Structures are given as C-alpha cells and as structure tokens.
C-alpha cells in the first residue's frame, strides 16, 4: 500500500504561510488512525508548493480517505487547492513551474521544456519509489512528446 502522498498546490507559499499550513495540518491529523491504531506520519512542503505526507505505520482505505478530506479542509481554510491532475510540475532555473500536460508537444517546440526537464512525477510514488523527481524522457509524459 502507498504510504506517501504528494499534493501539488496551486500557489507558491511564503515561509510564514508554509509554517501556518504545517501547524494546521499537524493539528487536524493528530488523531489520524487506521482501525483505531494511531498513524505515525511526517509532513513537509518542498519547493514552497509540494505538500508531502508520509505514513510510517500501516494505513487503510478509510484512513487514506480521511487524510485527503482533512488535507482539503485545511487547504480550503488557507485559500489553497490541490493542483488539478492535468497539470504537471517541473523545475526550470531552480524554480517550480507547471503546465497542462496536453501542451507538452507545444512546450517542447517552443523550447520551454526539453527531454531532460526535471518533472515532479507523482506516478513514481504510486509505484512505490521514494523520490518523485524524474526527467521528462523517463515519465509517462513521453507518450505526449
């Protein structure tokens, strides 16, 4: 079962906003459990825009649903949203940016991205890998090139 979740956010956060968000998330998840057993977890915000939550104890379908619901509630309080699935986060000049995957070919032609562009690939986490960074040529996006 997946024990790490990646939530790309629609806005870049300031350091202050990051700390407030983390405090609120820890508060909301302090009683997170699976079948009555507490779930030990960590959370971090990478690149000021990628929320990463990792469980160190067993989770269940219901506990994952609760996690998603609580995350969405806290994000709503902070006027944030999870970036829609059709957007892909990537690094360019050490800055996190995003694009609609349906425009992959167009962006390649315009040299805004290339085959070596670093992509935040949440599919890797679903496959059980620990890192979510890939280069474009090694991701599911290759079929859109």
N, C-alpha and C. Protein backbone atom coordinates (compact mmCIF):
# COMPACT_ATOMS: atom_id res chain seq x y z
N UNK A 1 0.84 -1.19 0.00
CA UNK A 1 0.00 0.00 0.00
C UNK A 1 0.88 1.24 0.00
N UNK A 2 0.46 2.25 -0.74
CA UNK A 2 1.20 3.51 -0.80
C UNK A 2 1.22 4.15 0.59
N UNK A 3 2.39 4.62 0.99
CA UNK A 3 2.48 5.27 2.29
C UNK A 3 3.01 6.70 2.18
N UNK A 4 3.04 7.22 0.96
CA UNK A 4 3.48 8.61 0.75
C UNK A 4 2.52 9.24 -0.25
N UNK A 5 2.10 10.45 0.07
CA UNK A 5 1.17 11.17 -0.80
C UNK A 5 1.76 12.52 -1.15
N UNK A 6 1.60 12.88 -2.40
CA UNK A 6 2.12 14.14 -2.92
C UNK A 6 0.91 15.00 -3.30
N UNK A 7 0.87 16.21 -2.75
CA UNK A 7 -0.21 17.14 -3.06
C UNK A 7 0.41 18.41 -3.65
N UNK A 8 0.48 18.50 -4.98
CA UNK A 8 0.99 19.74 -5.59
C UNK A 8 -0.03 20.85 -5.39
N UNK A 9 0.41 21.98 -4.91
CA UNK A 9 -0.50 23.09 -4.61
C UNK A 9 -0.54 24.09 -5.76
N UNK A 10 -1.64 24.81 -5.85
CA UNK A 10 -1.84 25.74 -6.96
C UNK A 10 -1.10 27.06 -6.77
N UNK A 11 -0.51 27.27 -5.60
CA UNK A 11 0.21 28.52 -5.34
C UNK A 11 1.50 28.23 -4.59
N UNK A 12 2.48 29.07 -4.84
CA UNK A 12 3.72 29.01 -4.08
C UNK A 12 3.48 29.69 -2.73
N UNK A 13 4.03 29.12 -1.67
CA UNK A 13 3.80 29.64 -0.32
C UNK A 13 4.99 30.41 0.21
N UNK A 14 4.70 31.42 0.98
CA UNK A 14 5.76 32.12 1.71
C UNK A 14 6.18 31.23 2.87
N UNK A 15 7.32 31.53 3.47
CA UNK A 15 7.78 30.76 4.63
C UNK A 15 6.75 30.80 5.76
N UNK A 16 6.19 31.98 5.99
CA UNK A 16 5.19 32.14 7.05
C UNK A 16 3.94 31.30 6.76
N UNK A 17 3.45 31.35 5.53
CA UNK A 17 2.26 30.59 5.13
C UNK A 17 2.53 29.09 5.24
N UNK A 18 3.74 28.69 4.88
CA UNK A 18 4.13 27.28 4.99
C UNK A 18 4.03 26.80 6.44
N UNK A 19 4.58 27.58 7.34
CA UNK A 19 4.56 27.20 8.76
C UNK A 19 3.13 27.14 9.30
N UNK A 20 2.30 28.10 8.93
CA UNK A 20 0.89 28.08 9.36
C UNK A 20 0.18 26.84 8.83
N UNK A 21 0.42 26.54 7.57
CA UNK A 21 -0.22 25.38 6.95
C UNK A 21 0.22 24.09 7.64
N UNK A 22 1.51 23.96 7.90
CA UNK A 22 2.01 22.75 8.56
C UNK A 22 1.42 22.61 9.97
N UNK A 23 1.35 23.70 10.70
CA UNK A 23 0.76 23.66 12.05
C UNK A 23 -0.70 23.21 11.99
N UNK A 24 -1.45 23.78 11.05
CA UNK A 24 -2.87 23.40 10.91
C UNK A 24 -3.01 21.94 10.50
N UNK A 25 -2.17 21.47 9.61
CA UNK A 25 -2.24 20.07 9.18
C UNK A 25 -1.90 19.12 10.32
N UNK A 26 -0.83 19.43 11.06
CA UNK A 26 -0.49 18.58 12.22
C UNK A 26 -1.64 18.54 13.21
N UNK A 27 -2.27 19.68 13.44
CA UNK A 27 -3.40 19.74 14.36
C UNK A 27 -4.56 18.87 13.88
N UNK A 28 -4.89 18.97 12.59
CA UNK A 28 -6.00 18.19 12.03
C UNK A 28 -5.71 16.69 11.98
N UNK A 29 -4.44 16.34 11.85
CA UNK A 29 -4.08 14.92 11.68
C UNK A 29 -3.58 14.27 12.97
N UNK A 30 -3.62 15.01 14.07
CA UNK A 30 -3.08 14.45 15.32
C UNK A 30 -3.79 13.17 15.75
N UNK A 31 -5.04 12.99 15.38
CA UNK A 31 -5.80 11.79 15.74
C UNK A 31 -5.98 10.83 14.56
N UNK A 32 -5.20 11.02 13.51
CA UNK A 32 -5.30 10.17 12.32
C UNK A 32 -4.98 8.73 12.71
N UNK A 33 -5.86 7.81 12.32
CA UNK A 33 -5.65 6.42 12.69
C UNK A 33 -6.21 5.48 11.62
N UNK A 34 -5.79 4.23 11.73
CA UNK A 34 -6.30 3.17 10.86
C UNK A 34 -6.82 2.07 11.78
N UNK A 35 -8.12 1.86 11.75
CA UNK A 35 -8.77 0.83 12.58
C UNK A 35 -8.39 0.98 14.06
N UNK A 36 -8.38 2.24 14.53
CA UNK A 36 -8.12 2.52 15.93
C UNK A 36 -6.66 2.63 16.30
N UNK A 37 -5.76 2.30 15.38
CA UNK A 37 -4.32 2.40 15.65
C UNK A 37 -3.80 3.73 15.12
N UNK A 38 -3.13 4.50 15.97
CA UNK A 38 -2.60 5.79 15.51
C UNK A 38 -1.62 5.61 14.35
N UNK A 39 -1.66 6.54 13.41
CA UNK A 39 -0.74 6.53 12.28
C UNK A 39 0.37 7.54 12.57
N UNK A 40 1.59 7.06 12.58
CA UNK A 40 2.74 7.95 12.73
C UNK A 40 3.07 8.48 11.33
N UNK A 41 3.28 9.78 11.24
CA UNK A 41 3.49 10.38 9.93
C UNK A 41 4.40 11.60 10.02
N UNK A 42 4.87 12.01 8.87
CA UNK A 42 5.60 13.27 8.76
C UNK A 42 4.99 14.05 7.61
N UNK A 43 5.20 15.35 7.65
CA UNK A 43 4.77 16.16 6.51
C UNK A 43 5.82 17.22 6.27
N UNK A 44 5.96 17.53 5.01
CA UNK A 44 6.90 18.58 4.61
C UNK A 44 6.34 19.29 3.39
N UNK A 45 6.86 20.46 3.14
CA UNK A 45 6.48 21.21 1.95
C UNK A 45 7.76 21.49 1.18
N UNK A 46 7.86 20.87 0.01
CA UNK A 46 9.04 21.04 -0.84
C UNK A 46 8.79 22.15 -1.85
N UNK A 47 9.84 22.87 -2.17
CA UNK A 47 9.78 23.92 -3.19
C UNK A 47 8.69 24.96 -2.90
N UNK A 48 8.26 25.06 -1.66
CA UNK A 48 7.21 26.01 -1.25
C UNK A 48 5.87 25.74 -1.93
N UNK A 49 5.71 24.53 -2.52
CA UNK A 49 4.48 24.27 -3.27
C UNK A 49 4.06 22.80 -3.34
N UNK A 50 4.88 21.91 -2.82
CA UNK A 50 4.57 20.48 -2.92
C UNK A 50 4.45 19.91 -1.51
N UNK A 51 3.22 19.61 -1.11
CA UNK A 51 2.96 19.02 0.20
C UNK A 51 3.20 17.51 0.10
N UNK A 52 4.06 17.00 1.00
CA UNK A 52 4.38 15.58 1.02
C UNK A 52 4.05 15.04 2.40
N UNK A 53 3.18 14.03 2.44
CA UNK A 53 2.83 13.38 3.71
C UNK A 53 3.21 11.92 3.60
N UNK A 54 3.95 11.45 4.60
CA UNK A 54 4.39 10.05 4.61
C UNK A 54 3.95 9.39 5.91
N UNK A 55 3.35 8.23 5.78
CA UNK A 55 2.93 7.44 6.94
C UNK A 55 4.01 6.39 7.21
N UNK A 56 4.34 6.23 8.49
CA UNK A 56 5.36 5.24 8.88
C UNK A 56 4.73 4.00 9.48
N UNK A 57 3.41 4.05 9.65
CA UNK A 57 2.68 2.88 10.14
C UNK A 57 1.60 2.54 9.12
N UNK A 58 1.00 1.39 9.26
CA UNK A 58 0.03 0.88 8.30
C UNK A 58 -1.18 1.82 8.18
N UNK A 59 -1.61 2.01 6.93
CA UNK A 59 -2.81 2.79 6.66
C UNK A 59 -3.86 1.88 6.04
N UNK A 60 -5.06 2.40 5.90
CA UNK A 60 -6.15 1.64 5.29
C UNK A 60 -6.87 2.56 4.30
N UNK A 61 -7.75 2.00 3.52
CA UNK A 61 -8.52 2.80 2.57
C UNK A 61 -9.27 3.93 3.26
N UNK A 62 -9.89 3.61 4.39
CA UNK A 62 -10.65 4.64 5.13
C UNK A 62 -9.73 5.73 5.66
N UNK A 63 -8.57 5.34 6.17
CA UNK A 63 -7.65 6.34 6.72
C UNK A 63 -7.09 7.24 5.61
N UNK A 64 -6.91 6.69 4.42
CA UNK A 64 -6.44 7.49 3.29
C UNK A 64 -7.53 8.48 2.87
N UNK A 65 -8.77 8.04 2.88
CA UNK A 65 -9.89 8.95 2.57
C UNK A 65 -9.95 10.08 3.58
N UNK A 66 -9.74 9.76 4.85
CA UNK A 66 -9.75 10.77 5.91
C UNK A 66 -8.60 11.75 5.70
N UNK A 67 -7.43 11.23 5.36
CA UNK A 67 -6.27 12.10 5.09
C UNK A 67 -6.61 13.11 4.00
N UNK A 68 -7.10 12.62 2.89
CA UNK A 68 -7.41 13.52 1.76
C UNK A 68 -8.45 14.57 2.17
N UNK A 69 -9.48 14.14 2.90
CA UNK A 69 -10.53 15.07 3.33
C UNK A 69 -9.95 16.15 4.25
N UNK A 70 -9.13 15.75 5.21
CA UNK A 70 -8.56 16.72 6.15
C UNK A 70 -7.60 17.68 5.44
N UNK A 71 -6.80 17.14 4.52
CA UNK A 71 -5.89 18.00 3.77
C UNK A 71 -6.69 19.03 2.98
N UNK A 72 -7.73 18.59 2.30
CA UNK A 72 -8.55 19.51 1.51
C UNK A 72 -9.21 20.56 2.40
N UNK A 73 -9.67 20.18 3.59
CA UNK A 73 -10.29 21.14 4.51
C UNK A 73 -9.29 22.22 4.92
N UNK A 74 -8.08 21.80 5.29
CA UNK A 74 -7.07 22.77 5.72
C UNK A 74 -6.65 23.65 4.55
N UNK A 75 -6.49 23.07 3.38
CA UNK A 75 -6.12 23.88 2.22
C UNK A 75 -7.20 24.92 1.92
N UNK A 76 -8.45 24.53 2.02
CA UNK A 76 -9.55 25.47 1.79
C UNK A 76 -9.48 26.63 2.78
N UNK A 77 -9.20 26.33 4.06
CA UNK A 77 -9.06 27.38 5.06
C UNK A 77 -7.96 28.37 4.69
N UNK A 78 -6.93 27.87 4.00
CA UNK A 78 -5.80 28.72 3.60
C UNK A 78 -5.94 29.25 2.18
N UNK A 79 -7.12 29.07 1.61
CA UNK A 79 -7.41 29.51 0.24
C UNK A 79 -6.42 28.91 -0.76
N UNK A 80 -6.18 27.61 -0.58
CA UNK A 80 -5.30 26.85 -1.46
C UNK A 80 -6.07 25.68 -2.03
N UNK A 81 -5.57 25.16 -3.13
CA UNK A 81 -6.17 23.97 -3.75
C UNK A 81 -5.07 23.03 -4.20
N UNK A 82 -5.43 21.77 -4.33
CA UNK A 82 -4.53 20.81 -4.95
C UNK A 82 -4.59 21.07 -6.45
N UNK A 83 -3.43 21.15 -7.05
CA UNK A 83 -3.36 21.39 -8.49
C UNK A 83 -4.09 20.28 -9.23
N UNK A 84 -4.97 20.62 -10.18
CA UNK A 84 -5.70 19.59 -10.92
C UNK A 84 -4.75 18.59 -11.60
N UNK A 85 -5.22 17.37 -11.78
CA UNK A 85 -4.40 16.28 -12.30
C UNK A 85 -3.81 16.54 -13.69
N UNK A 86 -4.42 17.41 -14.48
CA UNK A 86 -3.89 17.62 -15.82
C UNK A 86 -2.69 18.58 -15.85
N UNK A 87 -2.29 19.10 -14.69
CA UNK A 87 -1.11 19.95 -14.62
C UNK A 87 0.09 19.14 -14.12
N UNK A 88 1.23 19.48 -14.66
CA UNK A 88 2.49 18.82 -14.30
C UNK A 88 3.44 19.88 -13.76
N UNK A 89 4.01 19.59 -12.60
CA UNK A 89 5.01 20.48 -12.02
C UNK A 89 6.38 20.11 -12.55
N UNK A 90 7.19 21.14 -12.82
CA UNK A 90 8.55 20.90 -13.29
C UNK A 90 9.47 21.98 -12.76
N UNK A 91 10.77 21.69 -12.77
CA UNK A 91 11.76 22.66 -12.32
C UNK A 91 12.45 23.29 -13.52
N UNK A 92 12.53 24.60 -13.49
CA UNK A 92 13.26 25.34 -14.52
C UNK A 92 13.98 26.49 -13.82
N UNK A 93 15.29 26.56 -14.01
CA UNK A 93 16.10 27.61 -13.38
C UNK A 93 15.86 27.64 -11.87
N UNK A 94 15.82 26.45 -11.27
CA UNK A 94 15.63 26.27 -9.83
C UNK A 94 14.31 26.81 -9.31
N UNK A 95 13.37 26.98 -10.20
CA UNK A 95 12.04 27.46 -9.82
C UNK A 95 10.99 26.42 -10.23
N UNK A 96 10.03 26.20 -9.37
CA UNK A 96 8.96 25.27 -9.68
C UNK A 96 7.91 25.97 -10.53
N UNK A 97 7.54 25.33 -11.64
CA UNK A 97 6.52 25.86 -12.55
C UNK A 97 5.58 24.72 -12.90
N UNK A 98 4.51 25.02 -13.61
CA UNK A 98 3.64 23.94 -14.05
C UNK A 98 3.03 24.23 -15.41
N UNK A 99 2.60 23.14 -16.06
CA UNK A 99 1.97 23.24 -17.37
C UNK A 99 0.91 22.16 -17.51
N UNK A 100 0.00 22.39 -18.43
CA UNK A 100 -1.04 21.42 -18.76
C UNK A 100 -0.37 20.35 -19.62
N UNK A 101 -0.43 19.07 -19.19
CA UNK A 101 0.28 18.01 -19.91
C UNK A 101 -0.16 17.91 -21.37
N UNK A 102 -1.37 18.38 -21.68
CA UNK A 102 -1.86 18.32 -23.06
C UNK A 102 -1.09 19.29 -23.97
N UNK A 103 -0.27 20.17 -23.37
CA UNK A 103 0.53 21.12 -24.14
C UNK A 103 2.00 20.72 -24.19
N UNK A 104 2.30 19.48 -23.85
CA UNK A 104 3.68 19.02 -23.81
C UNK A 104 4.40 19.25 -25.13
N UNK A 105 3.80 18.81 -26.24
CA UNK A 105 4.44 18.98 -27.56
C UNK A 105 4.69 20.45 -27.87
N UNK A 106 3.70 21.26 -27.60
CA UNK A 106 3.82 22.70 -27.87
C UNK A 106 4.98 23.31 -27.08
N UNK A 107 5.09 22.96 -25.80
CA UNK A 107 6.17 23.50 -24.96
C UNK A 107 7.54 23.00 -25.39
N UNK A 108 7.60 21.76 -25.86
CA UNK A 108 8.85 21.23 -26.40
C UNK A 108 9.28 22.02 -27.64
N UNK A 109 8.34 22.26 -28.54
CA UNK A 109 8.65 23.01 -29.77
C UNK A 109 9.11 24.42 -29.46
N UNK A 110 8.53 25.02 -28.41
CA UNK A 110 8.89 26.40 -28.03
C UNK A 110 10.13 26.44 -27.13
N UNK A 111 10.72 25.28 -26.87
CA UNK A 111 11.91 25.16 -26.01
C UNK A 111 11.69 25.64 -24.58
N UNK A 112 10.45 25.61 -24.13
CA UNK A 112 10.18 25.96 -22.73
C UNK A 112 10.52 24.79 -21.81
N UNK A 113 10.42 23.57 -22.36
CA UNK A 113 10.85 22.36 -21.67
C UNK A 113 11.63 21.53 -22.68
N UNK A 114 12.38 20.55 -22.16
CA UNK A 114 13.06 19.62 -23.06
C UNK A 114 13.02 18.23 -22.43
N UNK A 115 13.60 17.26 -23.10
CA UNK A 115 13.54 15.88 -22.64
C UNK A 115 14.26 15.65 -21.31
N UNK A 116 15.13 16.60 -20.92
CA UNK A 116 15.86 16.49 -19.66
C UNK A 116 15.27 17.36 -18.55
N UNK A 117 14.12 17.96 -18.80
CA UNK A 117 13.47 18.79 -17.78
C UNK A 117 13.09 17.91 -16.58
N UNK A 118 13.38 18.41 -15.38
CA UNK A 118 13.03 17.69 -14.15
C UNK A 118 11.55 17.85 -13.88
N UNK A 119 10.87 16.72 -13.73
CA UNK A 119 9.42 16.68 -13.54
C UNK A 119 9.11 16.15 -12.14
N UNK A 120 8.09 16.72 -11.50
CA UNK A 120 7.55 16.16 -10.27
C UNK A 120 6.60 15.05 -10.71
N UNK A 121 7.03 13.81 -10.59
CA UNK A 121 6.30 12.67 -11.13
C UNK A 121 5.63 11.89 -9.98
N UNK A 122 4.40 12.24 -9.69
CA UNK A 122 3.68 11.58 -8.59
C UNK A 122 3.41 10.11 -8.89
N UNK A 123 3.48 9.71 -10.15
CA UNK A 123 3.29 8.30 -10.51
C UNK A 123 4.37 7.42 -9.89
N UNK A 124 5.57 7.97 -9.70
CA UNK A 124 6.65 7.19 -9.10
C UNK A 124 6.30 6.78 -7.67
N UNK A 125 5.64 7.68 -6.95
CA UNK A 125 5.25 7.36 -5.57
C UNK A 125 4.21 6.25 -5.58
N UNK A 126 3.27 6.32 -6.51
CA UNK A 126 2.25 5.27 -6.61
C UNK A 126 2.88 3.92 -6.93
N UNK A 127 4.02 3.95 -7.59
CA UNK A 127 4.73 2.71 -7.94
C UNK A 127 5.63 2.23 -6.80
N UNK A 128 5.64 2.97 -5.69
CA UNK A 128 6.40 2.55 -4.52
C UNK A 128 7.80 3.11 -4.42
N UNK A 129 8.19 4.01 -5.30
CA UNK A 129 9.51 4.61 -5.22
C UNK A 129 9.51 5.73 -4.18
N UNK A 130 10.69 6.07 -3.68
CA UNK A 130 10.76 7.07 -2.62
C UNK A 130 10.88 8.50 -3.15
N UNK A 131 11.48 8.68 -4.33
CA UNK A 131 11.65 10.01 -4.89
C UNK A 131 10.56 10.28 -5.92
N UNK A 132 10.16 11.53 -6.02
CA UNK A 132 9.16 11.89 -7.02
C UNK A 132 9.76 12.70 -8.17
N UNK A 133 11.07 12.81 -8.21
CA UNK A 133 11.72 13.55 -9.28
C UNK A 133 12.14 12.61 -10.41
N UNK A 134 11.87 13.03 -11.64
CA UNK A 134 12.26 12.29 -12.84
C UNK A 134 12.61 13.30 -13.91
N UNK A 135 13.25 12.83 -14.96
CA UNK A 135 13.40 13.69 -16.12
C UNK A 135 12.29 13.31 -17.10
N UNK A 136 11.86 14.28 -17.87
CA UNK A 136 10.70 14.12 -18.74
C UNK A 136 10.76 12.82 -19.55
N UNK A 137 11.90 12.51 -20.16
CA UNK A 137 12.01 11.33 -21.03
C UNK A 137 11.71 10.03 -20.29
N UNK A 138 11.81 10.03 -18.95
CA UNK A 138 11.57 8.82 -18.16
C UNK A 138 10.21 8.80 -17.49
N UNK A 139 9.32 9.68 -17.91
CA UNK A 139 8.00 9.76 -17.28
C UNK A 139 6.91 9.35 -18.25
N UNK A 140 5.71 9.27 -17.73
CA UNK A 140 4.54 8.96 -18.53
C UNK A 140 4.29 10.02 -19.61
N UNK A 141 4.89 11.20 -19.45
CA UNK A 141 4.71 12.29 -20.43
C UNK A 141 5.33 11.97 -21.78
N UNK A 142 6.21 11.00 -21.85
CA UNK A 142 6.90 10.68 -23.08
C UNK A 142 5.91 10.35 -24.21
N UNK A 143 4.77 9.80 -23.87
CA UNK A 143 3.78 9.47 -24.91
C UNK A 143 3.13 10.71 -25.53
N UNK A 144 3.34 11.88 -24.90
CA UNK A 144 2.77 13.12 -25.42
C UNK A 144 3.82 13.97 -26.15
N UNK A 145 5.01 13.43 -26.33
CA UNK A 145 6.10 14.18 -26.98
C UNK A 145 6.07 13.99 -28.49
